[in-house]
Amino acid sequence: MKKLVILIAAISLAVAMLAVVQPAAAETATVVATITGGGTAIMDPSRSDFGLAGTTSFGIHATLYSDGTAQGHVNCVDQFGSTSPGNIFGEVTSWEGNLDGSITLNVVGKVVGFPGGHPSAVSFSVTILHFGGAGVGQWTLFAFDGTACFETMLSGQIVMRRS
């Protein structure tokens, strides 16, 4: 009888462990959308917490998953002649927002000022306000505790493809 009780307890434990493991496997994140874009944009100093102005060249590629994680890369180069020329870039780690509205990409990366300078670690976010091309596409970059730049597309485009 004692062996039967131990066997039933062991089977019950195994069933309980499987019940815990099964939902985790069933909740595998799926791709919900992909964002791609690139081109040039103009910064609006009146909509930046730092008054940044000038022309930017940028590229974005991000795969968004159902669990809020993301993978991809963002690169933004404020060209010479801009208020604060430099390069901020990094890996997209997560996203938030609404697929029918604005999307925020959270990024971990580096910033390098021009001319020269050494890369410094930085976390920043890019919020795509409007998808589209010249005059339509708009995005912001939030870093250093403020909206570093508010950008409107001059050339190229930002698009989202839902999965």
N, C-alpha and C. Protein backbone atom coordinates (compact mmCIF):
# COMPACT_ATOMS: atom_id res chain seq x y z
N MET A 1 0.82 -1.20 0.00
CA MET A 1 0.00 0.00 0.00
C MET A 1 0.86 1.26 0.00
N LYS A 2 1.96 1.23 0.77
CA LYS A 2 2.84 2.38 0.85
C LYS A 2 3.43 2.69 -0.53
N LYS A 3 3.80 1.63 -1.29
CA LYS A 3 4.35 1.83 -2.64
C LYS A 3 3.30 2.42 -3.56
N LEU A 4 2.06 2.04 -3.42
CA LEU A 4 0.97 2.57 -4.23
C LEU A 4 0.77 4.07 -3.96
N VAL A 5 0.82 4.47 -2.70
CA VAL A 5 0.67 5.88 -2.33
C VAL A 5 1.82 6.70 -2.92
N ILE A 6 3.04 6.18 -2.85
CA ILE A 6 4.21 6.87 -3.41
C ILE A 6 4.08 6.98 -4.93
N LEU A 7 3.62 5.91 -5.58
CA LEU A 7 3.44 5.91 -7.02
C LEU A 7 2.38 6.94 -7.44
N ILE A 8 1.28 6.99 -6.72
CA ILE A 8 0.22 7.96 -7.03
C ILE A 8 0.73 9.38 -6.82
N ALA A 9 1.49 9.59 -5.77
CA ALA A 9 2.06 10.92 -5.52
C ALA A 9 3.03 11.32 -6.63
N ALA A 10 3.85 10.38 -7.08
CA ALA A 10 4.80 10.66 -8.16
C ALA A 10 4.08 10.96 -9.47
N ILE A 11 3.05 10.20 -9.77
CA ILE A 11 2.27 10.44 -10.99
C ILE A 11 1.57 11.80 -10.91
N SER A 12 1.02 12.12 -9.75
CA SER A 12 0.35 13.41 -9.57
C SER A 12 1.34 14.57 -9.77
N LEU A 13 2.54 14.43 -9.24
CA LEU A 13 3.57 15.45 -9.40
C LEU A 13 3.95 15.60 -10.87
N ALA A 14 4.11 14.50 -11.57
CA ALA A 14 4.46 14.53 -12.99
C ALA A 14 3.36 15.21 -13.81
N VAL A 15 2.10 14.89 -13.51
CA VAL A 15 0.98 15.51 -14.21
C VAL A 15 0.94 17.01 -13.93
N ALA A 16 1.18 17.41 -12.69
CA ALA A 16 1.19 18.82 -12.33
C ALA A 16 2.31 19.56 -13.05
N MET A 17 3.49 18.94 -13.15
CA MET A 17 4.61 19.56 -13.84
C MET A 17 4.31 19.72 -15.33
N LEU A 18 3.69 18.72 -15.93
CA LEU A 18 3.32 18.83 -17.34
C LEU A 18 2.29 19.92 -17.56
N ALA A 19 1.37 20.07 -16.65
CA ALA A 19 0.34 21.11 -16.77
C ALA A 19 0.97 22.50 -16.72
N VAL A 20 2.03 22.66 -15.93
CA VAL A 20 2.71 23.94 -15.84
C VAL A 20 3.52 24.21 -17.11
N VAL A 21 4.16 23.19 -17.65
CA VAL A 21 5.01 23.35 -18.83
C VAL A 21 4.17 23.55 -20.09
N GLN A 22 3.06 22.90 -20.24
CA GLN A 22 2.26 22.96 -21.46
C GLN A 22 1.82 24.39 -21.82
N PRO A 23 1.27 25.19 -20.90
CA PRO A 23 0.84 26.53 -21.30
C PRO A 23 2.01 27.39 -21.79
N ALA A 24 3.18 27.25 -21.20
CA ALA A 24 4.33 28.03 -21.64
C ALA A 24 4.66 27.69 -23.09
N ALA A 25 4.63 26.43 -23.44
CA ALA A 25 4.92 26.03 -24.81
C ALA A 25 3.84 26.51 -25.76
N ALA A 26 2.60 26.55 -25.29
CA ALA A 26 1.49 26.97 -26.14
C ALA A 26 1.51 28.48 -26.38
N GLU A 27 2.23 29.26 -25.53
CA GLU A 27 2.25 30.71 -25.63
C GLU A 27 3.48 31.22 -26.38
N THR A 28 3.99 30.47 -27.34
CA THR A 28 5.13 30.92 -28.12
C THR A 28 4.76 32.19 -28.88
N ALA A 29 5.64 33.18 -28.79
CA ALA A 29 5.39 34.45 -29.45
C ALA A 29 5.39 34.29 -30.97
N THR A 30 4.48 34.98 -31.63
CA THR A 30 4.40 34.96 -33.08
C THR A 30 4.68 36.35 -33.63
N VAL A 31 5.11 36.42 -34.86
CA VAL A 31 5.37 37.69 -35.52
C VAL A 31 4.02 38.36 -35.83
N VAL A 32 3.87 39.63 -35.41
CA VAL A 32 2.64 40.36 -35.69
C VAL A 32 2.83 41.41 -36.78
N ALA A 33 4.06 41.89 -36.94
CA ALA A 33 4.31 42.91 -37.96
C ALA A 33 5.81 43.09 -38.16
N THR A 34 6.14 43.66 -39.31
CA THR A 34 7.51 44.04 -39.61
C THR A 34 7.51 45.49 -40.07
N ILE A 35 8.42 46.27 -39.50
CA ILE A 35 8.56 47.68 -39.88
C ILE A 35 9.90 47.83 -40.60
N THR A 36 9.86 48.46 -41.76
CA THR A 36 11.08 48.77 -42.50
C THR A 36 11.00 50.19 -43.00
N GLY A 37 12.14 50.79 -43.14
CA GLY A 37 12.15 52.14 -43.68
C GLY A 37 13.54 52.71 -43.73
N GLY A 38 13.63 53.79 -44.44
CA GLY A 38 14.90 54.49 -44.54
C GLY A 38 14.76 55.67 -45.45
N GLY A 39 15.73 56.57 -45.37
CA GLY A 39 15.73 57.75 -46.21
C GLY A 39 16.31 58.93 -45.47
N THR A 40 15.79 60.09 -45.79
CA THR A 40 16.22 61.31 -45.10
C THR A 40 15.00 61.97 -44.47
N ALA A 41 15.27 62.74 -43.43
CA ALA A 41 14.20 63.44 -42.72
C ALA A 41 14.74 64.78 -42.23
N ILE A 42 13.84 65.68 -41.95
CA ILE A 42 14.21 66.99 -41.42
C ILE A 42 13.71 67.11 -39.99
N MET A 43 14.58 67.58 -39.10
CA MET A 43 14.22 67.74 -37.69
C MET A 43 13.52 69.08 -37.49
N ASP A 44 12.47 69.08 -36.69
CA ASP A 44 11.73 70.29 -36.34
C ASP A 44 12.18 70.74 -34.95
N PRO A 45 12.99 71.81 -34.86
CA PRO A 45 13.51 72.22 -33.56
C PRO A 45 12.43 72.69 -32.58
N SER A 46 11.29 73.13 -33.08
CA SER A 46 10.22 73.60 -32.19
C SER A 46 9.52 72.44 -31.49
N ARG A 47 9.73 71.20 -31.97
CA ARG A 47 9.08 70.04 -31.37
C ARG A 47 10.08 69.12 -30.68
N SER A 48 11.29 69.61 -30.47
CA SER A 48 12.34 68.86 -29.79
C SER A 48 12.63 69.51 -28.45
N ASP A 49 12.81 68.70 -27.42
CA ASP A 49 13.15 69.25 -26.11
C ASP A 49 14.53 69.90 -26.10
N PHE A 50 15.35 69.60 -27.10
CA PHE A 50 16.71 70.13 -27.15
C PHE A 50 16.91 71.11 -28.30
N GLY A 51 15.85 71.41 -29.06
CA GLY A 51 15.93 72.36 -30.15
C GLY A 51 16.77 71.89 -31.33
N LEU A 52 16.90 70.57 -31.50
CA LEU A 52 17.75 70.05 -32.57
C LEU A 52 17.12 70.29 -33.94
N ALA A 53 17.98 70.67 -34.88
CA ALA A 53 17.55 70.95 -36.24
C ALA A 53 18.57 70.38 -37.22
N GLY A 54 18.13 70.14 -38.44
CA GLY A 54 19.04 69.66 -39.46
C GLY A 54 18.45 68.47 -40.20
N THR A 55 19.30 67.86 -41.02
CA THR A 55 18.89 66.73 -41.85
C THR A 55 19.45 65.43 -41.27
N THR A 56 18.63 64.40 -41.32
CA THR A 56 18.96 63.09 -40.79
C THR A 56 18.87 62.04 -41.90
N SER A 57 19.81 61.12 -41.91
CA SER A 57 19.70 59.90 -42.72
C SER A 57 19.44 58.77 -41.75
N PHE A 58 18.51 57.90 -42.07
CA PHE A 58 18.15 56.87 -41.10
C PHE A 58 17.75 55.57 -41.79
N GLY A 59 17.78 54.50 -41.01
CA GLY A 59 17.29 53.20 -41.44
C GLY A 59 16.66 52.48 -40.26
N ILE A 60 15.57 51.80 -40.51
CA ILE A 60 14.85 51.04 -39.48
C ILE A 60 14.46 49.69 -40.06
N HIS A 61 14.70 48.66 -39.29
CA HIS A 61 14.13 47.34 -39.59
C HIS A 61 13.79 46.71 -38.25
N ALA A 62 12.54 46.33 -38.04
CA ALA A 62 12.13 45.72 -36.77
C ALA A 62 11.04 44.69 -37.01
N THR A 63 11.23 43.53 -36.41
CA THR A 63 10.22 42.49 -36.41
C THR A 63 9.55 42.52 -35.04
N LEU A 64 8.23 42.69 -35.02
CA LEU A 64 7.46 42.81 -33.78
C LEU A 64 6.78 41.49 -33.47
N TYR A 65 6.88 41.06 -32.20
CA TYR A 65 6.29 39.79 -31.77
C TYR A 65 5.10 40.03 -30.85
N SER A 66 4.23 39.04 -30.78
CA SER A 66 2.98 39.13 -30.03
C SER A 66 3.18 39.34 -28.53
N ASP A 67 4.34 38.99 -28.00
CA ASP A 67 4.59 39.15 -26.56
C ASP A 67 5.25 40.48 -26.21
N GLY A 68 5.37 41.40 -27.19
CA GLY A 68 5.96 42.71 -26.94
C GLY A 68 7.46 42.76 -27.18
N THR A 69 8.08 41.64 -27.47
CA THR A 69 9.50 41.66 -27.80
C THR A 69 9.65 42.06 -29.27
N ALA A 70 10.85 42.39 -29.64
CA ALA A 70 11.13 42.76 -31.02
C ALA A 70 12.60 42.49 -31.32
N GLN A 71 12.90 42.37 -32.59
CA GLN A 71 14.27 42.22 -33.05
C GLN A 71 14.46 43.15 -34.23
N GLY A 72 15.64 43.72 -34.34
CA GLY A 72 15.92 44.58 -35.48
C GLY A 72 16.99 45.58 -35.15
N HIS A 73 17.07 46.62 -35.98
CA HIS A 73 18.12 47.60 -35.86
C HIS A 73 17.60 48.98 -36.27
N VAL A 74 18.09 50.01 -35.59
CA VAL A 74 17.80 51.40 -35.93
C VAL A 74 19.13 52.12 -36.06
N ASN A 75 19.25 52.95 -37.09
CA ASN A 75 20.44 53.77 -37.28
C ASN A 75 19.99 55.16 -37.70
N CYS A 76 20.45 56.18 -36.99
CA CYS A 76 20.06 57.56 -37.28
C CYS A 76 21.32 58.42 -37.28
N VAL A 77 21.61 59.04 -38.40
CA VAL A 77 22.80 59.89 -38.54
C VAL A 77 22.36 61.33 -38.76
N ASP A 78 22.63 62.18 -37.78
CA ASP A 78 22.40 63.61 -37.94
C ASP A 78 23.59 64.16 -38.71
N GLN A 79 23.34 64.65 -39.91
CA GLN A 79 24.41 65.02 -40.83
C GLN A 79 25.13 66.30 -40.41
N PHE A 80 26.35 66.49 -40.96
CA PHE A 80 27.07 67.73 -40.72
C PHE A 80 26.20 68.89 -41.12
N GLY A 81 26.24 69.95 -40.35
CA GLY A 81 25.36 71.09 -40.56
C GLY A 81 24.16 71.04 -39.63
N SER A 82 23.89 69.87 -39.03
CA SER A 82 22.81 69.75 -38.06
C SER A 82 23.27 70.36 -36.73
N THR A 83 22.32 70.66 -35.86
CA THR A 83 22.63 71.25 -34.56
C THR A 83 23.61 70.40 -33.77
N SER A 84 23.44 69.08 -33.82
CA SER A 84 24.29 68.16 -33.06
C SER A 84 24.59 66.94 -33.93
N PRO A 85 25.52 67.08 -34.90
CA PRO A 85 25.78 65.96 -35.80
C PRO A 85 26.34 64.75 -35.05
N GLY A 86 25.90 63.57 -35.46
CA GLY A 86 26.36 62.34 -34.83
C GLY A 86 25.55 61.16 -35.31
N ASN A 87 25.83 60.01 -34.71
CA ASN A 87 25.18 58.76 -35.09
C ASN A 87 24.67 58.09 -33.82
N ILE A 88 23.40 57.76 -33.81
CA ILE A 88 22.82 56.97 -32.72
C ILE A 88 22.24 55.72 -33.37
N PHE A 89 22.58 54.57 -32.82
CA PHE A 89 22.20 53.31 -33.46
C PHE A 89 22.09 52.22 -32.41
N GLY A 90 21.40 51.13 -32.75
CA GLY A 90 21.30 50.03 -31.82
C GLY A 90 20.30 48.97 -32.22
N GLU A 91 20.17 48.01 -31.31
CA GLU A 91 19.31 46.84 -31.51
C GLU A 91 17.95 47.06 -30.86
N VAL A 92 16.91 46.79 -31.62
CA VAL A 92 15.54 46.89 -31.12
C VAL A 92 15.28 45.68 -30.22
N THR A 93 14.79 45.93 -29.01
CA THR A 93 14.57 44.85 -28.04
C THR A 93 13.10 44.59 -27.73
N SER A 94 12.26 45.64 -27.85
CA SER A 94 10.84 45.48 -27.54
C SER A 94 10.06 46.58 -28.24
N TRP A 95 8.74 46.45 -28.19
CA TRP A 95 7.87 47.44 -28.80
C TRP A 95 6.62 47.61 -27.97
N GLU A 96 5.95 48.73 -28.17
CA GLU A 96 4.67 48.99 -27.53
C GLU A 96 3.85 49.88 -28.43
N GLY A 97 2.58 49.92 -28.21
CA GLY A 97 1.71 50.75 -29.01
C GLY A 97 0.56 49.95 -29.58
N ASN A 98 0.03 50.47 -30.67
CA ASN A 98 -1.14 49.91 -31.30
C ASN A 98 -0.85 49.76 -32.79
N LEU A 99 -1.07 48.59 -33.34
CA LEU A 99 -0.78 48.37 -34.76
C LEU A 99 -1.63 49.26 -35.66
N ASP A 100 -2.69 49.86 -35.12
CA ASP A 100 -3.51 50.79 -35.89
C ASP A 100 -3.16 52.24 -35.59
N GLY A 101 -2.13 52.46 -34.78
CA GLY A 101 -1.72 53.83 -34.41
C GLY A 101 -0.22 53.95 -34.41
N SER A 102 0.30 54.66 -33.43
CA SER A 102 1.75 54.83 -33.37
C SER A 102 2.40 53.62 -32.68
N ILE A 103 3.63 53.35 -33.08
CA ILE A 103 4.41 52.23 -32.57
C ILE A 103 5.70 52.78 -31.99
N THR A 104 6.07 52.35 -30.78
CA THR A 104 7.33 52.74 -30.18
C THR A 104 8.26 51.54 -30.15
N LEU A 105 9.46 51.74 -30.68
CA LEU A 105 10.51 50.72 -30.67
C LEU A 105 11.52 51.09 -29.59
N ASN A 106 11.80 50.18 -28.67
CA ASN A 106 12.79 50.41 -27.62
C ASN A 106 14.12 49.82 -28.06
N VAL A 107 15.18 50.62 -27.93
CA VAL A 107 16.46 50.29 -28.52
C VAL A 107 17.58 50.41 -27.49
N VAL A 108 18.53 49.50 -27.56
CA VAL A 108 19.75 49.55 -26.75
C VAL A 108 20.91 49.68 -27.73
N GLY A 109 21.72 50.73 -27.57
CA GLY A 109 22.78 50.91 -28.55
C GLY A 109 23.87 51.85 -28.12
N LYS A 110 24.33 52.64 -29.08
CA LYS A 110 25.47 53.54 -28.90
C LYS A 110 25.15 54.89 -29.54
N VAL A 111 25.88 55.91 -29.08
CA VAL A 111 25.82 57.23 -29.69
C VAL A 111 27.26 57.70 -29.88
N VAL A 112 27.53 58.32 -31.04
CA VAL A 112 28.85 58.85 -31.36
C VAL A 112 28.65 60.25 -31.91
N GLY A 113 29.30 61.24 -31.30
CA GLY A 113 29.23 62.60 -31.81
C GLY A 113 30.26 62.82 -32.91
N PHE A 114 29.92 63.72 -33.84
CA PHE A 114 30.86 64.09 -34.91
C PHE A 114 31.42 65.46 -34.57
N PRO A 115 32.64 65.79 -34.86
CA PRO A 115 33.67 64.90 -35.39
C PRO A 115 34.32 64.11 -34.26
N GLY A 116 34.72 62.92 -34.57
CA GLY A 116 35.40 62.07 -33.59
C GLY A 116 34.51 61.66 -32.46
N GLY A 117 35.12 61.35 -31.36
CA GLY A 117 34.38 60.90 -30.21
C GLY A 117 34.36 59.40 -30.13
N HIS A 118 34.10 58.92 -28.95
CA HIS A 118 34.03 57.48 -28.72
C HIS A 118 32.58 57.08 -28.54
N PRO A 119 32.21 55.87 -28.96
CA PRO A 119 30.84 55.40 -28.75
C PRO A 119 30.51 55.33 -27.26
N SER A 120 29.34 55.81 -26.91
CA SER A 120 28.83 55.72 -25.54
C SER A 120 27.55 54.91 -25.54
N ALA A 121 27.37 54.10 -24.51
CA ALA A 121 26.15 53.30 -24.39
C ALA A 121 24.95 54.21 -24.18
N VAL A 122 23.83 53.84 -24.80
CA VAL A 122 22.61 54.62 -24.66
C VAL A 122 21.40 53.72 -24.91
N SER A 123 20.33 53.97 -24.19
CA SER A 123 19.03 53.37 -24.46
C SER A 123 18.14 54.49 -24.99
N PHE A 124 17.38 54.21 -26.03
CA PHE A 124 16.51 55.22 -26.60
C PHE A 124 15.29 54.55 -27.21
N SER A 125 14.32 55.36 -27.58
CA SER A 125 13.13 54.82 -28.24
C SER A 125 12.82 55.65 -29.47
N VAL A 126 12.27 54.98 -30.47
CA VAL A 126 11.82 55.63 -31.69
C VAL A 126 10.32 55.37 -31.79
N THR A 127 9.54 56.44 -31.86
CA THR A 127 8.10 56.31 -32.02
C THR A 127 7.72 56.73 -33.43
N ILE A 128 7.13 55.80 -34.15
CA ILE A 128 6.67 56.10 -35.50
C ILE A 128 5.25 56.62 -35.38
N LEU A 129 5.10 57.91 -35.68
CA LEU A 129 3.81 58.57 -35.54
C LEU A 129 2.93 58.35 -36.76
N HIS A 130 3.55 58.40 -37.96
CA HIS A 130 2.82 58.21 -39.22
C HIS A 130 3.70 57.42 -40.17
N PHE A 131 3.17 56.35 -40.71
CA PHE A 131 3.87 55.61 -41.75
C PHE A 131 3.66 56.33 -43.07
N GLY A 132 4.65 56.25 -43.96
CA GLY A 132 4.50 56.86 -45.27
C GLY A 132 5.82 57.42 -45.77
N GLY A 133 5.73 58.16 -46.86
CA GLY A 133 6.90 58.71 -47.53
C GLY A 133 7.07 60.19 -47.24
N ALA A 134 7.68 60.88 -48.21
CA ALA A 134 8.02 62.29 -48.08
C ALA A 134 6.81 63.13 -47.68
N GLY A 135 6.99 63.93 -46.63
CA GLY A 135 5.93 64.82 -46.16
C GLY A 135 4.87 64.15 -45.33
N VAL A 136 4.84 62.81 -45.28
CA VAL A 136 3.81 62.07 -44.54
C VAL A 136 4.42 61.33 -43.35
N GLY A 137 5.47 60.56 -43.61
CA GLY A 137 6.10 59.78 -42.56
C GLY A 137 6.68 60.67 -41.48
N GLN A 138 6.39 60.35 -40.22
CA GLN A 138 6.92 61.13 -39.09
C GLN A 138 7.29 60.20 -37.97
N TRP A 139 8.38 60.56 -37.27
CA TRP A 139 8.84 59.78 -36.13
C TRP A 139 9.60 60.67 -35.16
N THR A 140 9.69 60.20 -33.93
CA THR A 140 10.46 60.91 -32.91
C THR A 140 11.50 59.97 -32.33
N LEU A 141 12.55 60.57 -31.80
CA LEU A 141 13.57 59.81 -31.09
C LEU A 141 13.65 60.38 -29.69
N PHE A 142 13.42 59.53 -28.69
CA PHE A 142 13.45 59.93 -27.29
C PHE A 142 14.72 59.38 -26.65
N ALA A 143 15.57 60.26 -26.16
CA ALA A 143 16.82 59.86 -25.49
C ALA A 143 17.23 60.98 -24.54
N PHE A 144 18.07 60.64 -23.59
CA PHE A 144 18.61 61.63 -22.66
C PHE A 144 17.50 62.38 -21.93
N ASP A 145 16.44 61.64 -21.58
CA ASP A 145 15.30 62.16 -20.81
C ASP A 145 14.48 63.22 -21.54
N GLY A 146 14.43 63.13 -22.86
CA GLY A 146 13.61 64.08 -23.60
C GLY A 146 13.46 63.67 -25.06
N THR A 147 12.58 64.39 -25.76
CA THR A 147 12.43 64.16 -27.20
C THR A 147 13.61 64.83 -27.88
N ALA A 148 14.56 64.00 -28.33
CA ALA A 148 15.77 64.53 -28.95
C ALA A 148 15.46 65.11 -30.32
N CYS A 149 14.58 64.45 -31.06
CA CYS A 149 14.24 64.99 -32.38
C CYS A 149 12.84 64.56 -32.80
N PHE A 150 12.22 65.44 -33.56
CA PHE A 150 10.92 65.20 -34.19
C PHE A 150 11.19 65.30 -35.68
N GLU A 151 10.96 64.22 -36.41
CA GLU A 151 11.40 64.12 -37.80
C GLU A 151 10.21 63.95 -38.76
N THR A 152 10.32 64.62 -39.92
CA THR A 152 9.37 64.44 -41.01
C THR A 152 10.16 64.00 -42.24
N MET A 153 9.67 62.97 -42.89
CA MET A 153 10.36 62.39 -44.05
C MET A 153 10.54 63.40 -45.18
N LEU A 154 11.77 63.43 -45.73
CA LEU A 154 12.06 64.20 -46.95
C LEU A 154 12.11 63.28 -48.16
N SER A 155 12.67 62.08 -47.95
CA SER A 155 12.76 61.08 -49.02
C SER A 155 12.70 59.70 -48.39
N GLY A 156 12.41 58.70 -49.19
CA GLY A 156 12.28 57.34 -48.67
C GLY A 156 10.90 57.12 -48.09
N GLN A 157 10.80 56.13 -47.20
CA GLN A 157 9.51 55.83 -46.59
C GLN A 157 9.69 54.93 -45.37
N ILE A 158 8.66 54.87 -44.56
CA ILE A 158 8.56 53.91 -43.44
C ILE A 158 7.27 53.14 -43.66
N VAL A 159 7.36 51.82 -43.68
CA VAL A 159 6.19 50.98 -43.90
C VAL A 159 6.07 49.91 -42.82
N MET A 160 4.85 49.46 -42.59
CA MET A 160 4.60 48.34 -41.68
C MET A 160 3.81 47.30 -42.45
N ARG A 161 4.27 46.07 -42.35
CA ARG A 161 3.56 44.95 -42.94
C ARG A 161 3.11 44.05 -41.80
N ARG A 162 1.80 43.86 -41.72
CA ARG A 162 1.26 42.95 -40.68
C ARG A 162 1.40 41.51 -41.13
N SER A 163 1.60 40.65 -40.15
CA SER A 163 1.73 39.21 -40.46
C SER A 163 0.39 38.54 -40.40
